[in-house]
Amino acid sequence: MIRDHIAAHLGIEPADFEYAPFAEEGRLGKVYQLFGNELNALIEQLNESLSLMKKDGDALFDHYRHTLEKLGKQKGPLGLIFPKSQNTFLEQFREILADVR
């Protein structure tokens, strides 16, 4: 049910759970019951990932660059790995974009 809604709308918001077909299954209250405090973060991550389907070219490049920057600021292994890979990835991505244009 959630998968079908997302496929049709390329996103989901908490208010969407108040309408059919979710209303028949317990509405937003049931969703909070199932996912608890993680629901808002889960919806945000899901919608961010889905937004990639709407992007191309420079917008897609910017999204990947920001993602790599965010990963590079993480503590632990991610913070060590991504600053170094970011430059290499961005250079290769620019070359690919240049070939496509």
Protein backbone atom coordinates (compact mmCIF):
# COMPACT_ATOMS: atom_id res chain seq x y z
CA MET A 1 0.00 0.00 0.00
CA ILE A 2 2.73 2.49 0.93
CA ARG A 3 4.78 1.36 -2.08
CA ASP A 4 1.83 2.02 -4.43
CA HIS A 5 1.26 5.50 -3.02
CA ILE A 6 4.94 6.40 -3.36
CA ALA A 7 5.09 5.10 -6.93
CA ALA A 8 2.08 7.22 -7.88
CA HIS A 9 3.18 10.40 -6.09
CA LEU A 10 7.00 10.13 -5.81
CA GLY A 11 6.79 11.02 -2.15
CA ILE A 12 4.80 10.69 1.03
CA GLU A 13 3.95 13.00 3.93
CA PRO A 14 2.47 12.21 7.35
CA ALA A 15 -0.85 13.79 6.30
CA ASP A 16 -1.14 11.26 3.45
CA PHE A 17 -1.84 8.54 6.00
CA GLU A 18 -5.18 10.21 6.85
CA TYR A 19 -6.61 9.40 3.42
CA ALA A 20 -7.53 6.24 1.54
CA PRO A 21 -6.18 3.62 1.41
CA PHE A 22 -4.33 4.27 4.67
CA ALA A 23 -7.42 5.52 6.52
CA GLU A 24 -8.90 2.03 6.30
CA GLU A 25 -5.85 0.57 8.04
CA GLY A 26 -5.67 2.89 11.06
CA ARG A 27 -4.51 6.25 9.70
CA LEU A 28 -1.46 8.12 10.95
CA GLY A 29 -1.91 6.79 14.48
CA LYS A 30 -1.32 3.24 13.28
CA VAL A 31 1.76 4.32 11.34
CA TYR A 32 3.21 5.96 14.45
CA GLN A 33 2.38 2.81 16.36
CA LEU A 34 4.37 0.76 13.85
CA PHE A 35 7.36 3.10 13.33
CA GLY A 36 7.37 5.18 16.52
CA ASN A 37 9.69 8.16 16.81
CA GLU A 38 11.59 7.06 13.71
CA LEU A 39 8.68 7.84 11.38
CA ASN A 40 9.58 11.45 10.54
CA ALA A 41 13.23 10.63 9.85
CA LEU A 42 12.18 7.64 7.75
CA ILE A 43 9.78 9.75 5.67
CA GLU A 44 12.44 12.44 5.21
CA GLN A 45 15.04 9.92 4.02
CA LEU A 46 12.56 8.24 1.73
CA ASN A 47 11.46 11.49 0.11
CA GLU A 48 15.06 12.63 -0.30
CA SER A 49 15.92 9.41 -2.10
CA LEU A 50 12.83 9.64 -4.28
CA SER A 51 13.66 13.20 -5.24
CA LEU A 52 16.63 11.83 -7.19
CA MET A 53 14.21 10.43 -9.75
CA LYS A 54 13.20 13.99 -10.65
CA LYS A 55 16.77 15.27 -11.07
CA ASP A 56 19.27 15.17 -13.90
CA GLY A 57 22.36 17.01 -15.08
CA ASP A 58 23.60 19.74 -12.78
CA ALA A 59 20.86 19.20 -10.19
CA LEU A 60 21.82 15.54 -9.85
CA PHE A 61 25.51 16.42 -9.69
CA ASP A 62 24.84 18.98 -6.93
CA HIS A 63 22.83 16.43 -4.96
CA TYR A 64 25.65 13.87 -5.08
CA ARG A 65 28.21 16.53 -4.16
CA HIS A 66 26.19 17.60 -1.12
CA THR A 67 25.68 13.97 -0.13
CA LEU A 68 29.41 13.31 -0.28
CA GLU A 69 30.14 16.48 1.71
CA LYS A 70 27.64 15.39 4.36
CA LEU A 71 29.18 11.91 4.54
CA GLY A 72 32.66 13.44 4.77
CA LYS A 73 31.62 15.31 7.92
CA GLN A 74 30.49 12.15 9.72
CA LYS A 75 32.46 10.84 12.65
CA GLY A 76 34.22 7.53 12.38
CA PRO A 77 35.10 5.60 9.22
CA LEU A 78 32.67 7.48 6.95
CA GLY A 79 34.32 10.77 7.85
CA LEU A 80 37.69 9.31 6.97
CA ILE A 81 36.67 7.69 3.69
CA PHE A 82 34.46 10.22 1.97
CA PRO A 83 36.59 13.40 1.95
CA LYS A 84 39.20 11.55 -0.07
CA SER A 85 36.75 9.81 -2.39
CA GLN A 86 34.77 13.00 -2.93
CA ASN A 87 37.37 14.67 -5.14
CA THR A 88 37.91 11.58 -7.28
CA PHE A 89 34.21 10.93 -7.65
CA LEU A 90 33.41 14.52 -8.55
CA GLU A 91 36.13 14.65 -11.17
CA GLN A 92 34.89 11.44 -12.78
CA PHE A 93 31.27 12.60 -12.59
CA ARG A 94 32.15 15.90 -14.30
CA GLU A 95 33.86 13.99 -17.10
CA ILE A 96 30.79 11.80 -17.58
CA LEU A 97 28.50 14.84 -17.67
CA ALA A 98 30.77 16.55 -20.20
CA ASP A 99 30.62 13.47 -22.46
CA VAL A 100 26.84 13.36 -22.25
CA ARG A 101 26.43 17.03 -23.13
